[in-house]
Amino acid sequence: MKYYNPKKEWNREVLVLIALCFVLVSSVTSLAVGEALEAVYEVVYDATEVIEYEEPQPQPEISDEYEWIPGEDVTIIESEENLNAKGSSTYTWTIPMNSIKKSGSFYAAKGSKVAISVNPDPVDADTGIGLDQPNGKLRGVSDTGTYGYTFTINESGYYKVYVRNEDGKQINAVAVFRKESYF
């Protein structure tokens, strides 16, 4: 400021050229920093990315549905547990070998569906699940381990859910019952 001389002012063209140089240099610098930051983010992302590989679980093959009447060699244990009024219940039962454990009764209308699943302990135990029907026959399926099945009700009436121990030793089982229609 001390040596300012208005006669020695810079040309307009020189000032415009200097301004363009500043804009160009700052733009190039910003682009370079942006590219470098993007490369750093990609490296950090690749290093911390968690890839979950979900192996397809084999679907258990449940045997065909069957009807049967238990013989003298099968012990039937009636449960005094009431069913949940909302149409679903969970039972934890200890079932001796060659035995069937039945729930309390519930009403189901023809055409409604009842889903039953079982989780036995030991996990490789052979079990059967099903319905004690109004006609006196048991309708069910059998499998090993944890599985479930949905039964379609053939006639209106009172039913019971059952779990059958088909294993050679006592098992503990968690049975879950759900009724789709409430009547």
Protein backbone atom coordinates (compact mmCIF):
# COMPACT_ATOMS: atom_id res chain seq x y z
CA MET A 1 0.00 0.00 0.00
CA LYS A 2 2.90 2.24 0.73
CA TYR A 3 4.27 2.04 -2.82
CA TYR A 4 0.93 2.04 -4.64
CA ASN A 5 1.11 3.84 -7.91
CA PRO A 6 -2.16 4.25 -9.81
CA LYS A 7 -0.23 4.77 -13.05
CA LYS A 8 1.25 1.27 -12.88
CA GLU A 9 -2.05 -0.65 -12.77
CA TRP A 10 -2.20 -4.09 -14.35
CA ASN A 11 -4.03 -4.64 -17.55
CA ARG A 12 -7.53 -6.03 -17.39
CA GLU A 13 -6.43 -9.01 -19.51
CA VAL A 14 -3.66 -9.92 -17.08
CA LEU A 15 -6.06 -9.76 -14.12
CA VAL A 16 -8.59 -12.00 -15.91
CA LEU A 17 -5.78 -14.46 -16.77
CA ILE A 18 -4.60 -14.55 -13.15
CA ALA A 19 -8.19 -15.12 -11.92
CA LEU A 20 -8.65 -17.97 -14.41
CA CYS A 21 -5.40 -19.54 -13.24
CA PHE A 22 -6.58 -19.43 -9.61
CA VAL A 23 -9.95 -21.01 -10.54
CA LEU A 24 -8.24 -23.70 -12.64
CA VAL A 25 -5.67 -24.53 -9.97
CA SER A 26 -8.27 -24.75 -7.18
CA SER A 27 -10.58 -26.91 -9.34
CA VAL A 28 -7.79 -29.32 -10.25
CA THR A 29 -6.77 -29.55 -6.58
CA SER A 30 -10.36 -30.22 -5.47
CA LEU A 31 -10.80 -32.93 -8.10
CA ALA A 32 -7.53 -34.59 -7.12
CA VAL A 33 -8.47 -34.60 -3.44
CA GLY A 34 -11.93 -35.97 -4.29
CA GLU A 35 -10.44 -38.82 -6.32
CA ALA A 36 -7.99 -39.63 -3.53
CA LEU A 37 -10.75 -39.62 -0.91
CA GLU A 38 -12.90 -41.88 -3.08
CA ALA A 39 -10.01 -44.34 -3.38
CA VAL A 40 -9.50 -44.29 0.40
CA TYR A 41 -13.23 -44.85 1.02
CA GLU A 42 -13.24 -47.82 -1.36
CA VAL A 43 -10.26 -49.40 0.41
CA VAL A 44 -11.89 -48.90 3.83
CA TYR A 45 -15.25 -50.24 2.56
CA ASP A 46 -13.66 -53.33 1.03
CA ALA A 47 -11.69 -53.97 4.23
CA THR A 48 -14.77 -53.72 6.48
CA GLU A 49 -17.48 -55.14 4.22
CA VAL A 50 -19.22 -58.15 5.74
CA ILE A 51 -20.44 -60.60 3.18
CA GLU A 52 -23.02 -63.03 4.49
CA TYR A 53 -23.26 -66.23 2.58
CA GLU A 54 -26.47 -67.99 3.39
CA GLU A 55 -26.38 -71.59 2.43
CA PRO A 56 -29.74 -72.90 1.37
CA GLN A 57 -31.21 -75.01 4.12
CA PRO A 58 -32.41 -78.40 2.95
CA GLN A 59 -36.15 -78.69 3.31
CA PRO A 60 -37.06 -81.66 5.44
CA GLU A 61 -39.05 -84.30 3.68
CA ILE A 62 -42.11 -84.98 5.75
CA SER A 63 -43.79 -88.28 5.27
CA ASP A 64 -47.28 -88.37 3.87
CA GLU A 65 -50.21 -87.64 6.09
CA TYR A 66 -51.75 -90.76 7.64
CA GLU A 67 -54.66 -91.79 9.88
CA TRP A 68 -54.36 -94.43 12.56
CA ILE A 69 -55.77 -95.73 15.82
CA PRO A 70 -53.20 -96.31 18.58
CA GLY A 71 -52.73 -99.89 19.71
CA GLU A 72 -52.35 -101.29 23.19
CA ASP A 73 -48.56 -100.76 23.04
CA VAL A 74 -48.94 -96.94 22.94
CA THR A 75 -49.51 -94.98 26.14
CA ILE A 76 -51.77 -91.94 25.76
CA ILE A 77 -51.17 -89.05 28.14
CA GLU A 78 -53.95 -86.45 28.26
CA SER A 79 -52.94 -82.89 29.09
CA GLU A 80 -55.05 -80.69 31.30
CA GLU A 81 -53.56 -77.55 29.77
CA ASN A 82 -56.12 -75.19 28.26
CA LEU A 83 -55.58 -73.80 24.81
CA ASN A 84 -54.94 -70.12 24.33
CA ALA A 85 -58.19 -68.34 23.46
CA LYS A 86 -56.47 -66.59 20.52
CA GLY A 87 -55.96 -69.90 18.76
CA SER A 88 -52.29 -70.56 19.39
CA SER A 89 -50.43 -72.30 22.19
CA THR A 90 -46.96 -73.53 23.03
CA TYR A 91 -46.43 -76.69 25.06
CA THR A 92 -43.27 -78.04 26.67
CA TRP A 93 -43.76 -81.74 27.30
CA THR A 94 -41.68 -84.66 28.52
CA ILE A 95 -42.86 -87.70 26.58
CA PRO A 96 -41.82 -91.24 27.55
CA MET A 97 -40.98 -93.72 24.78
CA ASN A 98 -43.97 -95.32 22.98
CA SER A 99 -46.24 -92.53 24.25
CA ILE A 100 -48.48 -89.82 22.89
CA LYS A 101 -49.08 -86.52 24.67
CA LYS A 102 -52.35 -84.72 23.81
CA SER A 103 -53.39 -81.11 24.40
CA GLY A 104 -56.72 -79.86 25.64
CA SER A 105 -59.49 -79.76 23.07
CA PHE A 106 -60.36 -76.91 20.73
CA TYR A 107 -63.07 -76.35 18.14
CA ALA A 108 -62.19 -76.12 14.45
CA ALA A 109 -64.56 -75.65 11.53
CA LYS A 110 -64.36 -77.59 8.29
CA GLY A 111 -61.91 -75.98 5.85
CA SER A 112 -59.89 -74.13 8.48
CA LYS A 113 -56.20 -74.88 8.93
CA VAL A 114 -54.18 -75.94 11.94
CA ALA A 115 -50.38 -75.60 11.94
CA ILE A 116 -48.33 -77.74 14.32
CA SER A 117 -44.57 -77.74 14.76
CA VAL A 118 -42.29 -79.67 17.09
CA ASN A 119 -38.77 -79.11 18.39
CA PRO A 120 -37.58 -82.27 20.17
CA ASP A 121 -34.67 -82.75 22.56
CA PRO A 122 -32.54 -84.61 21.54
CA VAL A 123 -32.72 -82.84 18.20
CA ASP A 124 -32.44 -86.04 16.16
CA ALA A 125 -35.41 -87.72 17.85
CA ASP A 126 -38.12 -89.38 15.75
CA THR A 127 -41.53 -87.87 16.47
CA GLY A 128 -45.01 -87.69 15.06
CA ILE A 129 -47.35 -84.70 15.25
CA GLY A 130 -51.00 -84.44 14.43
CA LEU A 131 -54.62 -84.09 15.39
CA ASP A 132 -56.90 -86.27 17.47
CA GLN A 133 -60.05 -86.02 15.34
CA PRO A 134 -63.71 -86.13 16.41
CA ASN A 135 -64.09 -89.52 14.67
CA GLY A 136 -61.60 -91.09 17.11
CA LYS A 137 -58.76 -91.54 14.60
CA LEU A 138 -55.43 -89.79 14.89
CA ARG A 139 -54.23 -87.95 11.80
CA GLY A 140 -50.59 -87.00 11.57
CA VAL A 141 -47.15 -86.95 10.00
CA SER A 142 -43.78 -88.25 11.20
CA ASP A 143 -40.25 -86.97 10.81
CA THR A 144 -36.92 -86.53 12.57
CA GLY A 145 -35.77 -83.35 14.28
CA THR A 146 -37.54 -80.00 14.13
CA TYR A 147 -40.35 -79.74 11.61
CA GLY A 148 -43.89 -78.49 11.15
CA TYR A 149 -46.98 -79.31 9.16
CA THR A 150 -50.29 -77.60 8.35
CA PHE A 151 -53.43 -79.72 8.50
CA THR A 152 -56.68 -78.83 6.75
CA ILE A 153 -59.72 -79.64 8.88
CA ASN A 154 -62.01 -82.16 7.13
CA GLU A 155 -65.01 -81.93 9.47
CA SER A 156 -66.16 -79.44 12.09
CA GLY A 157 -65.73 -80.53 15.67
CA TYR A 158 -63.45 -80.69 18.69
CA TYR A 159 -59.80 -81.63 18.11
CA LYS A 160 -56.67 -82.14 20.17
CA VAL A 161 -53.07 -81.62 19.15
CA TYR A 162 -50.71 -84.52 19.83
CA VAL A 163 -47.00 -85.28 19.78
CA ARG A 164 -45.91 -88.89 19.56
CA ASN A 165 -42.53 -90.14 20.76
CA GLU A 166 -41.38 -92.61 18.10
CA ASP A 167 -37.84 -92.68 19.47
CA GLY A 168 -36.39 -95.43 21.66
CA LYS A 169 -35.93 -93.15 24.68
CA GLN A 170 -37.72 -90.40 26.58
CA ILE A 171 -37.74 -87.00 24.85
CA ASN A 172 -38.57 -83.44 25.72
CA ALA A 173 -40.56 -81.61 23.08
CA VAL A 174 -41.71 -78.06 22.50
CA ALA A 175 -44.90 -78.17 20.43
CA VAL A 176 -46.38 -75.03 18.88
CA PHE A 177 -49.98 -75.05 17.70
CA ARG A 178 -51.71 -72.33 15.67
CA LYS A 179 -55.25 -72.27 14.35
CA GLU A 180 -55.88 -70.02 11.33
CA SER A 181 -59.65 -69.59 11.81
CA TYR A 182 -61.31 -68.86 15.12
CA PHE A 183 -64.90 -70.10 15.50
